[in-house]
Amino acid sequence: MKDLKVVVLVTVFLLSFGGSGKAEDKILTIAQAVGLALQKNPTLKAADYIVEASKAKIGGARSGLLPRIDLYEGFTRTNNPMMAVGSKLNQEAFSSKDYALTELNNPSPVNNFNTQFMVTQPIFDQGKTWVGIRQAKIGSQATQEERMRVKQEVIFEVLKTYSQVLREKDNLALVQKTETMAAAHVRLAEDLFQNGQTVKSDVLSAKVRLSEIKEMVIQSRNGVKIAQAALSKVMGMNQNDNFEVQGGLACTREQGDLTIFIAEALEKRPDLLAMNNYVKNGQEGVRMAKTNYLPDFHLMARYDFNDRNTAWGTEGESWTVGGIFQFNFFDGLSSTYKVKETNAVLKRLTSQQEELMHSIELEVREAFFRMEEADERVKVTNEAMTQAEESLRIVEDRYKTGLSRMVEVLDNETALTKAKRNHLYALCDLKVACGQLDLARGVIIPPPEGDSENPDTGTPVNEEAGGNHKTTVQSAVN
């Protein structure tokens, strides 16, 4: 049912792109973005094909249990005494005149078309087939775990780039509002200058600041385009497509103990589960190498047709059945060195498994500390915004009465813009850090459509910090 829901969401979104509506009408929710990525992301598709190939290997390994059936057609022309006599016998064309010594010692050239139908059935192939089947099954399970990890990484990349689009759009709204504020300061300075209450340099300083803000607006518009292109790339969509995102940057930090998060990651991370399977496969590799010390036995049955003139002819026919037993006593120590090689491979895999466990622990710690850092930054920057707004209000009032200079107004305006931008980036970093922690723990899942929960963590949104995109814009921009 989950897959069906994703397909429905993706289909609805693709149909909306095929309509004649304007770009602003094409709303892309976070759930739709994830659904598109899970359907169209090339990296995830490649992982699907790897899984498909690994499943095919299981069938290939099982083929060793089944009989082999071969059809063969060959042609020879020879005057070799033994082969010439044998060909005639197989053709059932040997006559009394062929017993003449001159004919036996120096026969005329003989043509022979040989048709063979052969069935070979392994009975015991040193255990190689059974070990190979186990290896194929374990390898397939490993690729499925790796595919799950790729899926988790794709989900996180969508959540991250989607949040970055929200951030860049909020940042654009912020600098546009700052542009309006800077234009108001220019008008204020011009009015005061016209009334003789300030100097020309105040007007020029305000205009310079307005030009700087206009440059920031240009850069911010470009930032939105780049962020949207990055999101389209992750979704596997055309980067020329236009869409509108919705939702908020505000979220609450993940609650829990670091040691529990680490233990959870070591239990659930798909890439570690895949590595565990590769270690098991390494153990099977050692068993496979040791099968060379065991005997081999198989049965065979063959039916032959031989003809002097026609391919696939049936002039003469015969059958053969038999069994073949083979046991190697000495192969130049090749099997011994093969066992040593596979043991070394197993030790390498075990070391890589240990290294991956250490890396996972570090990833969880880093994500956890990044989340704590971002959470504190959200609080600090929120306070800084409040203080910067009040400071600017005071300086503006003083400037209107001639008690402050324009440079103080511009400095406070710059400080307010910086504080709001810092808060905006802190909100985005917290949202991404929460998703990064879920990714590091191996528990990240697609967000449900229409849910009021934070799509990164599944935890309720902190309404005080801003429960939706509009609230976030208002808190960071106004």
Protein backbone atom coordinates (compact mmCIF):
# COMPACT_ATOMS: atom_id res chain seq x y z
CA MET A 1 0.00 0.00 0.00
CA LYS A 2 2.91 2.39 0.70
CA ASP A 3 4.28 1.90 -2.80
CA LEU A 4 0.80 2.45 -4.26
CA LYS A 5 0.44 5.69 -2.33
CA VAL A 6 3.80 6.92 -3.60
CA VAL A 7 2.84 6.09 -7.19
CA VAL A 8 -0.47 7.96 -6.82
CA LEU A 9 1.27 11.04 -5.40
CA VAL A 10 3.87 11.00 -8.15
CA THR A 11 1.23 10.56 -10.86
CA VAL A 12 -0.84 13.46 -9.53
CA PHE A 13 2.20 15.71 -9.45
CA LEU A 14 3.35 14.75 -12.95
CA LEU A 15 -0.14 15.37 -14.33
CA SER A 16 -0.14 18.80 -12.73
CA PHE A 17 3.06 19.58 -14.62
CA GLY A 18 1.45 18.49 -17.84
CA GLY A 19 -1.40 21.00 -17.46
CA SER A 20 -1.59 24.56 -18.63
CA GLY A 21 -1.48 26.13 -15.18
CA LYS A 22 1.07 28.77 -14.28
CA ALA A 23 4.26 27.95 -12.40
CA GLU A 24 2.93 29.40 -9.14
CA ASP A 25 0.04 26.90 -9.23
CA LYS A 26 2.39 23.89 -9.25
CA ILE A 27 2.71 23.19 -5.55
CA LEU A 28 5.28 20.54 -4.66
CA THR A 29 4.89 19.13 -1.16
CA ILE A 30 7.76 17.43 0.63
CA ALA A 31 5.95 14.08 0.38
CA GLN A 32 5.54 14.52 -3.39
CA ALA A 33 9.21 15.45 -3.73
CA VAL A 34 10.28 12.30 -1.90
CA GLY A 35 7.83 10.21 -3.94
CA LEU A 36 9.24 11.57 -7.19
CA ALA A 37 12.79 10.85 -6.08
CA LEU A 38 11.94 7.28 -5.09
CA GLN A 39 10.46 6.75 -8.55
CA LYS A 40 12.94 8.61 -10.75
CA ASN A 41 16.28 9.14 -8.98
CA PRO A 42 19.00 7.52 -11.17
CA THR A 43 21.15 6.44 -8.23
CA LEU A 44 18.24 4.56 -6.69
CA LYS A 45 17.39 3.02 -10.07
CA ALA A 46 20.98 1.79 -10.36
CA ALA A 47 20.67 0.21 -6.91
CA ASP A 48 17.46 -1.52 -8.07
CA TYR A 49 19.32 -3.07 -11.00
CA ILE A 50 22.09 -4.25 -8.68
CA VAL A 51 19.47 -6.02 -6.55
CA GLU A 52 17.92 -7.51 -9.69
CA ALA A 53 21.31 -8.80 -10.81
CA SER A 54 22.01 -10.31 -7.38
CA LYS A 55 18.70 -12.19 -7.45
CA ALA A 56 19.60 -13.55 -10.87
CA LYS A 57 22.85 -14.89 -9.38
CA ILE A 58 20.79 -17.07 -7.03
CA GLY A 59 19.15 -18.73 -10.02
CA GLY A 60 22.52 -19.09 -11.67
CA ALA A 61 23.94 -20.79 -8.58
CA ARG A 62 20.99 -23.20 -8.39
CA SER A 63 21.62 -24.29 -11.96
CA GLY A 64 24.43 -26.46 -10.63
CA LEU A 65 21.79 -28.79 -9.17
CA LEU A 66 20.13 -29.37 -12.52
CA PRO A 67 21.27 -31.55 -15.42
CA ARG A 68 23.13 -30.07 -18.35
CA ILE A 69 21.78 -30.93 -21.80
CA ASP A 70 23.92 -30.38 -24.90
CA LEU A 71 23.34 -30.88 -28.61
CA TYR A 72 26.43 -31.13 -30.80
CA GLU A 73 27.02 -31.46 -34.55
CA GLY A 74 30.51 -31.97 -35.99
CA PHE A 75 32.12 -32.89 -39.33
CA THR A 76 35.39 -34.71 -40.01
CA ARG A 77 37.13 -35.97 -43.16
CA THR A 78 40.12 -38.19 -42.52
CA ASN A 79 42.29 -40.99 -43.89
CA ASN A 80 43.72 -41.75 -40.45
CA PRO A 81 43.39 -45.57 -40.25
CA MET A 82 41.95 -45.73 -36.76
CA MET A 83 39.58 -42.77 -37.21
CA ALA A 84 38.49 -43.91 -40.69
CA VAL A 85 37.61 -47.40 -39.45
CA GLY A 86 35.92 -45.96 -36.37
CA SER A 87 33.83 -43.56 -38.46
CA LYS A 88 32.64 -46.38 -40.72
CA LEU A 89 31.78 -48.51 -37.70
CA ASN A 90 29.83 -45.63 -36.14
CA GLN A 91 28.03 -45.11 -39.46
CA GLU A 92 27.20 -48.84 -39.54
CA ALA A 93 28.82 -48.82 -43.00
CA PHE A 94 31.77 -51.17 -42.35
CA SER A 95 31.84 -54.03 -44.91
CA SER A 96 33.94 -57.13 -45.54
CA LYS A 97 36.14 -55.40 -48.12
CA ASP A 98 37.25 -52.99 -45.41
CA TYR A 99 39.03 -55.94 -43.74
CA ALA A 100 41.64 -55.96 -46.52
CA LEU A 101 45.06 -55.06 -45.09
CA THR A 102 45.70 -52.47 -47.76
CA GLU A 103 42.40 -50.79 -46.97
CA LEU A 104 43.02 -50.96 -43.23
CA ASN A 105 46.55 -49.58 -43.46
CA ASN A 106 45.88 -46.98 -46.16
CA PRO A 107 42.15 -46.21 -46.20
CA SER A 108 40.43 -43.81 -48.56
CA PRO A 109 39.29 -40.52 -46.98
CA VAL A 110 36.06 -40.92 -44.99
CA ASN A 111 33.48 -38.18 -44.33
CA ASN A 112 31.55 -38.26 -41.09
CA PHE A 113 28.79 -36.04 -39.70
CA ASN A 114 28.53 -36.69 -35.96
CA THR A 115 25.43 -35.63 -33.98
CA GLN A 116 25.55 -35.93 -30.19
CA PHE A 117 22.80 -35.46 -27.62
CA MET A 118 24.35 -35.47 -24.13
CA VAL A 119 22.91 -35.18 -20.61
CA THR A 120 25.22 -34.60 -17.63
CA GLN A 121 23.89 -34.71 -14.05
CA PRO A 122 26.12 -33.64 -11.15
CA ILE A 123 25.74 -35.88 -8.11
CA PHE A 124 28.37 -34.29 -5.90
CA ASP A 125 30.49 -31.40 -7.18
CA GLN A 126 32.63 -31.05 -4.06
CA GLY A 127 29.82 -29.06 -2.44
CA LYS A 128 30.55 -26.05 -4.65
CA THR A 129 26.95 -25.63 -5.80
CA TRP A 130 25.47 -25.55 -2.29
CA VAL A 131 28.11 -23.12 -1.06
CA GLY A 132 27.55 -21.02 -4.17
CA ILE A 133 23.80 -20.89 -3.50
CA ARG A 134 24.41 -19.70 0.06
CA GLN A 135 26.84 -17.08 -1.21
CA ALA A 136 24.36 -15.85 -3.81
CA LYS A 137 21.55 -15.58 -1.25
CA ILE A 138 23.73 -13.74 1.24
CA GLY A 139 25.05 -11.47 -1.50
CA SER A 140 21.50 -10.69 -2.64
CA GLN A 141 20.49 -9.80 0.90
CA ALA A 142 23.53 -7.52 1.14
CA THR A 143 22.60 -5.68 -2.07
CA GLN A 144 19.05 -5.22 -0.78
CA GLU A 145 20.41 -3.66 2.40
CA GLU A 146 22.66 -1.42 0.31
CA ARG A 147 19.69 -0.45 -1.80
CA MET A 148 17.81 0.48 1.39
CA ARG A 149 20.74 2.67 2.41
CA VAL A 150 20.71 4.40 -0.98
CA LYS A 151 16.97 4.95 -0.55
CA GLN A 152 17.57 6.54 2.86
CA GLU A 153 20.28 8.78 1.42
CA VAL A 154 17.97 9.86 -1.41
CA ILE A 155 15.20 10.68 1.07
CA PHE A 156 17.64 12.74 3.12
CA GLU A 157 18.95 14.56 0.05
CA VAL A 158 15.37 15.48 -0.88
CA LEU A 159 14.65 16.69 2.65
CA LYS A 160 17.88 18.68 2.69
CA THR A 161 17.49 20.29 -0.74
CA TYR A 162 13.79 20.95 -0.12
CA SER A 163 14.73 22.73 3.12
CA GLN A 164 17.39 24.69 1.25
CA VAL A 165 14.78 25.83 -1.29
CA LEU A 166 12.59 27.01 1.61
CA ARG A 167 15.60 28.77 3.11
CA GLU A 168 16.54 30.50 -0.13
CA LYS A 169 12.96 31.63 -0.73
CA ASP A 170 12.76 32.99 2.81
CA ASN A 171 16.12 34.66 2.30
CA LEU A 172 14.82 36.30 -0.88
CA ALA A 173 11.77 37.56 1.00
CA LEU A 174 14.10 38.86 3.71
CA VAL A 175 16.34 40.87 1.38
CA GLN A 176 13.32 42.17 -0.53
CA LYS A 177 11.88 43.46 2.72
CA THR A 178 15.30 44.90 3.57
CA GLU A 179 15.27 46.61 0.16
CA THR A 180 11.94 48.22 1.05
CA MET A 181 13.40 49.33 4.36
CA ALA A 182 16.53 50.73 2.71
CA ALA A 183 14.41 52.64 0.18
CA ALA A 184 12.44 54.13 3.08
CA HIS A 185 15.72 55.25 4.67
CA VAL A 186 16.71 56.93 1.41
CA ARG A 187 13.42 58.82 1.34
CA LEU A 188 13.80 59.76 4.99
CA ALA A 189 17.32 61.09 4.42
CA GLU A 190 16.19 63.05 1.35
CA ASP A 191 13.28 64.62 3.26
CA LEU A 192 15.53 65.63 6.13
CA PHE A 193 18.12 66.97 3.70
CA GLN A 194 15.47 69.02 1.89
CA ASN A 195 14.48 70.50 5.25
CA GLY A 196 18.09 71.23 6.11
CA GLN A 197 18.14 68.77 9.00
CA THR A 198 20.92 66.53 7.67
CA VAL A 199 23.85 66.56 5.29
CA LYS A 200 24.18 65.31 1.70
CA SER A 201 26.45 62.46 2.79
CA ASP A 202 23.54 60.85 4.67
CA VAL A 203 21.54 60.70 1.46
CA LEU A 204 24.49 59.24 -0.44
CA SER A 205 25.19 56.66 2.28
CA ALA A 206 21.56 55.54 2.24
CA LYS A 207 21.64 55.21 -1.56
CA VAL A 208 24.86 53.17 -1.42
CA ARG A 209 23.23 50.86 1.11
CA LEU A 210 20.17 50.53 -1.15
CA SER A 211 22.43 49.54 -4.07
CA GLU A 212 24.07 46.89 -1.91
CA ILE A 213 20.68 45.47 -0.98
CA LYS A 214 19.61 45.38 -4.64
CA GLU A 215 22.72 43.34 -5.38
CA MET A 216 21.75 40.97 -2.56
CA VAL A 217 18.28 40.61 -4.10
CA ILE A 218 19.85 39.58 -7.42
CA GLN A 219 22.06 37.04 -5.65
CA SER A 220 19.12 35.71 -3.63
CA ARG A 221 16.98 35.18 -6.73
CA ASN A 222 19.85 33.21 -8.23
CA GLY A 223 20.13 31.24 -4.98
CA VAL A 224 16.49 30.18 -5.28
CA LYS A 225 17.04 28.99 -8.85
CA ILE A 226 20.13 26.99 -7.89
CA ALA A 227 18.38 25.40 -4.90
CA GLN A 228 15.38 24.44 -7.05
CA ALA A 229 17.67 22.94 -9.69
CA ALA A 230 19.45 20.92 -7.00
CA LEU A 231 16.10 19.61 -5.75
CA SER A 232 15.03 18.73 -9.30
CA LYS A 233 18.29 16.86 -9.82
CA VAL A 234 17.75 14.76 -6.69
CA MET A 235 14.17 14.02 -7.78
CA GLY A 236 15.38 12.94 -11.23
CA MET A 237 13.30 15.69 -12.85
CA ASN A 238 14.02 18.20 -15.60
CA GLN A 239 15.90 21.09 -14.00
CA ASN A 240 13.95 23.55 -16.16
CA ASP A 241 10.69 22.63 -14.42
CA ASN A 242 9.17 25.30 -12.19
CA PHE A 243 7.38 24.55 -8.94
CA GLU A 244 6.51 26.08 -5.60
CA VAL A 245 7.44 24.49 -2.29
CA GLN A 246 5.40 24.70 0.86
CA GLY A 247 5.99 23.99 4.52
CA GLY A 248 8.13 25.48 7.23
CA LEU A 249 11.73 25.40 8.37
CA ALA A 250 10.86 25.35 12.05
CA CYS A 251 11.16 22.01 13.85
CA THR A 252 11.97 20.65 17.27
CA ARG A 253 15.21 18.83 17.93
CA GLU A 254 15.26 15.07 18.30
CA GLN A 255 14.94 14.04 21.93
CA GLY A 256 16.99 11.13 23.21
CA ASP A 257 20.29 9.96 24.62
CA LEU A 258 23.39 9.84 22.41
CA THR A 259 24.38 6.36 23.57
CA ILE A 260 20.91 5.06 22.66
CA PHE A 261 21.17 6.66 19.22
CA ILE A 262 24.56 5.00 18.66
CA ALA A 263 23.25 1.59 19.73
CA GLU A 264 20.23 2.06 17.46
CA ALA A 265 22.48 2.89 14.50
CA LEU A 266 24.67 -0.17 15.07
CA GLU A 267 21.53 -2.28 15.07
CA LYS A 268 19.60 -0.74 12.17
CA ARG A 269 22.01 0.87 9.70
CA PRO A 270 21.43 -0.92 6.37
CA ASP A 271 25.02 -0.45 5.21
CA LEU A 272 26.28 -2.16 8.38
CA LEU A 273 23.76 -4.98 7.89
CA ALA A 274 25.08 -5.30 4.33
CA MET A 275 28.66 -5.45 5.61
CA ASN A 276 27.65 -8.15 8.10
CA ASN A 277 26.38 -10.17 5.16
CA TYR A 278 29.61 -9.59 3.26
CA VAL A 279 31.51 -10.99 6.25
CA LYS A 280 29.23 -14.05 6.16
CA ASN A 281 29.97 -14.34 2.47
CA GLY A 282 33.67 -14.21 3.28
CA GLN A 283 33.19 -17.17 5.59
CA GLU A 284 31.40 -19.00 2.79
CA GLY A 285 34.32 -18.11 0.54
CA VAL A 286 36.65 -20.01 2.86
CA ARG A 287 34.29 -23.00 2.73
CA MET A 288 34.24 -22.76 -1.06
CA ALA A 289 38.04 -22.90 -1.17
CA LYS A 290 38.06 -25.98 1.06
CA THR A 291 35.70 -27.83 -1.30
CA ASN A 292 38.73 -28.44 -3.54
CA TYR A 293 39.78 -31.12 -1.03
CA LEU A 294 36.58 -33.09 -1.71
CA PRO A 295 35.80 -35.55 -4.55
CA ASP A 296 33.64 -34.89 -7.60
CA PHE A 297 31.13 -37.32 -9.07
CA HIS A 298 28.62 -36.98 -11.90
CA LEU A 299 26.63 -39.14 -14.31
CA MET A 300 26.37 -38.81 -18.07
CA ALA A 301 24.29 -40.22 -20.91
CA ARG A 302 24.94 -39.69 -24.62
CA TYR A 303 23.18 -40.63 -27.84
CA ASP A 304 25.16 -40.44 -31.11
CA PHE A 305 24.17 -40.30 -34.78
CA ASN A 306 26.79 -40.66 -37.54
CA ASP A 307 26.24 -40.15 -41.27
CA ARG A 308 28.52 -40.11 -44.34
CA ASN A 309 26.62 -37.53 -46.37
CA THR A 310 24.17 -35.45 -44.33
CA ALA A 311 24.38 -33.22 -41.29
CA TRP A 312 21.97 -34.38 -38.57
CA GLY A 313 21.82 -37.67 -40.46
CA THR A 314 20.89 -40.94 -38.75
CA GLU A 315 22.80 -43.53 -40.80
CA GLY A 316 24.33 -45.01 -37.68
CA GLU A 317 23.30 -44.58 -34.06
CA SER A 318 24.64 -45.56 -30.63
CA TRP A 319 24.31 -44.67 -26.95
CA THR A 320 26.61 -44.39 -23.97
CA VAL A 321 25.94 -44.08 -20.22
CA GLY A 322 28.47 -43.76 -17.46
CA GLY A 323 29.63 -42.17 -14.26
CA ILE A 324 32.78 -40.17 -13.56
CA PHE A 325 34.48 -40.00 -10.16
CA GLN A 326 37.38 -37.62 -9.66
CA PHE A 327 39.51 -36.97 -6.59
CA ASN A 328 42.58 -34.78 -6.66
CA PHE A 329 45.57 -35.83 -4.56
CA PHE A 330 47.96 -33.03 -5.49
CA ASP A 331 47.37 -29.81 -7.45
CA GLY A 332 50.67 -28.07 -6.80
CA LEU A 333 49.33 -26.63 -3.48
CA SER A 334 46.87 -24.48 -5.44
CA SER A 335 43.99 -25.38 -3.10
CA THR A 336 46.08 -24.65 -0.02
CA TYR A 337 46.96 -21.19 -1.24
CA LYS A 338 43.33 -20.59 -2.22
CA VAL A 339 42.28 -21.27 1.37
CA LYS A 340 44.94 -18.85 2.62
CA GLU A 341 43.73 -16.23 0.15
CA THR A 342 40.09 -16.52 1.22
CA ASN A 343 41.07 -16.38 4.90
CA ALA A 344 42.91 -13.14 4.21
CA VAL A 345 39.86 -11.77 2.39
CA LEU A 346 37.69 -12.70 5.39
CA LYS A 347 40.05 -10.86 7.75
CA ARG A 348 39.95 -7.82 5.46
CA LEU A 349 36.15 -7.83 5.50
CA THR A 350 36.13 -8.15 9.29
CA SER A 351 38.45 -5.15 9.57
CA GLN A 352 36.24 -3.15 7.20
CA GLN A 353 33.23 -4.13 9.30
CA GLU A 354 34.97 -2.79 12.42
CA GLU A 355 35.96 0.42 10.61
CA LEU A 356 32.38 0.94 9.42
CA MET A 357 31.09 0.56 12.98
CA HIS A 358 33.51 3.25 14.15
CA SER A 359 32.48 5.49 11.25
CA ILE A 360 28.80 5.04 12.05
CA GLU A 361 29.37 5.98 15.67
CA LEU A 362 31.24 9.10 14.55
CA GLU A 363 28.45 10.01 12.11
CA VAL A 364 25.84 9.73 14.87
CA ARG A 365 27.94 11.80 17.26
CA GLU A 366 28.58 14.48 14.64
CA ALA A 367 24.91 14.66 13.63
CA PHE A 368 23.84 14.80 17.28
CA PHE A 369 26.26 17.60 18.13
CA ARG A 370 25.31 19.50 14.94
CA MET A 371 21.69 19.25 15.99
CA GLU A 372 22.46 20.55 19.49
CA GLU A 373 24.52 23.35 18.00
CA ALA A 374 21.77 24.35 15.56
CA ASP A 375 19.15 24.21 18.30
CA GLU A 376 21.17 26.63 20.44
CA ARG A 377 21.79 28.86 17.43
CA VAL A 378 18.04 29.09 16.79
CA LYS A 379 17.51 30.35 20.33
CA VAL A 380 20.43 32.78 20.24
CA THR A 381 19.60 34.21 16.82
CA ASN A 382 15.96 34.62 17.82
CA GLU A 383 17.06 36.78 20.74
CA ALA A 384 19.46 38.67 18.48
CA MET A 385 16.60 39.43 16.06
CA THR A 386 14.48 40.89 18.84
CA GLN A 387 17.34 43.02 20.10
CA ALA A 388 18.30 44.20 16.59
CA GLU A 389 14.71 45.20 15.81
CA GLU A 390 14.45 47.25 19.00
CA SER A 391 17.86 48.83 18.44
CA LEU A 392 16.93 49.88 14.89
CA ARG A 393 13.63 51.34 16.09
CA ILE A 394 15.41 53.45 18.70
CA VAL A 395 18.09 54.69 16.28
CA GLU A 396 15.49 55.55 13.61
CA ASP A 397 13.53 57.62 16.11
CA ARG A 398 16.70 59.40 17.23
CA TYR A 399 17.71 60.06 13.61
CA LYS A 400 14.36 61.68 12.87
CA THR A 401 15.00 64.12 15.72
CA GLY A 402 18.61 64.72 14.73
CA LEU A 403 20.12 62.83 17.66
CA SER A 404 21.73 60.08 15.53
CA ARG A 405 23.58 59.90 12.24
CA MET A 406 22.56 57.95 9.15
CA VAL A 407 25.57 55.70 9.52
CA GLU A 408 24.11 54.47 12.82
CA VAL A 409 20.78 53.75 11.14
CA LEU A 410 22.50 51.84 8.35
CA ASP A 411 24.66 49.91 10.80
CA ASN A 412 21.59 48.83 12.76
CA GLU A 413 19.73 47.98 9.56
CA THR A 414 22.66 45.78 8.52
CA ALA A 415 22.75 44.17 11.96
CA LEU A 416 19.03 43.38 11.78
CA THR A 417 19.34 41.84 8.32
CA LYS A 418 22.28 39.75 9.48
CA ALA A 419 20.43 38.62 12.61
CA LYS A 420 17.38 37.58 10.58
CA ARG A 421 19.54 35.76 8.04
CA ASN A 422 21.47 33.99 10.80
CA HIS A 423 18.17 32.90 12.33
CA LEU A 424 16.95 31.66 8.97
CA TYR A 425 20.10 29.62 8.40
CA ALA A 426 19.96 28.27 11.95
CA LEU A 427 16.40 27.05 11.36
CA CYS A 428 17.45 25.32 8.14
CA ASP A 429 20.55 23.83 9.76
CA LEU A 430 18.45 22.44 12.61
CA LYS A 431 16.00 20.85 10.20
CA VAL A 432 18.82 19.32 8.15
CA ALA A 433 20.67 18.19 11.29
CA CYS A 434 17.55 16.38 12.53
CA GLY A 435 17.34 14.57 9.20
CA GLN A 436 21.08 13.88 9.28
CA LEU A 437 20.71 12.28 12.70
CA ASP A 438 17.89 10.06 11.45
CA LEU A 439 20.03 9.13 8.45
CA ALA A 440 23.00 8.33 10.68
CA ARG A 441 20.75 6.16 12.86
CA GLY A 442 19.34 4.38 9.81
CA VAL A 443 15.72 5.23 10.65
CA ILE A 444 14.87 7.99 8.16
CA ILE A 445 11.54 7.40 6.39
CA PRO A 446 9.50 9.26 3.76
CA PRO A 447 7.25 11.96 5.26
CA PRO A 448 3.51 11.24 5.11
CA GLU A 449 1.40 13.40 2.80
CA GLY A 450 -0.53 16.09 4.63
CA ASP A 451 0.98 15.30 8.03
CA SER A 452 1.65 18.12 10.46
CA GLU A 453 4.83 16.49 11.61
CA ASN A 454 8.35 17.53 10.80
CA PRO A 455 9.22 15.57 7.64
CA ASP A 456 12.82 15.03 8.72
CA THR A 457 12.24 13.50 12.13
CA GLY A 458 8.57 12.68 12.41
CA THR A 459 8.35 14.85 15.55
CA PRO A 460 5.67 17.53 15.94
CA VAL A 461 6.57 21.00 14.74
CA ASN A 462 7.20 23.60 17.41
CA GLU A 463 4.31 25.98 16.76
CA GLU A 464 5.98 28.75 18.77
CA ALA A 465 8.91 28.76 16.36
CA GLY A 466 6.62 28.77 13.34
CA GLY A 467 4.46 25.88 12.21
CA ASN A 468 4.39 26.66 8.51
CA HIS A 469 6.24 28.47 5.77
CA LYS A 470 4.35 31.74 6.24
CA THR A 471 5.01 31.75 9.98
CA THR A 472 8.71 31.13 9.38
CA VAL A 473 8.90 33.99 6.89
CA GLN A 474 7.13 36.27 9.31
CA SER A 475 9.39 35.38 12.22
CA ALA A 476 12.62 35.69 10.23
CA VAL A 477 11.78 38.46 7.80
CA ASN A 478 9.28 40.88 9.28
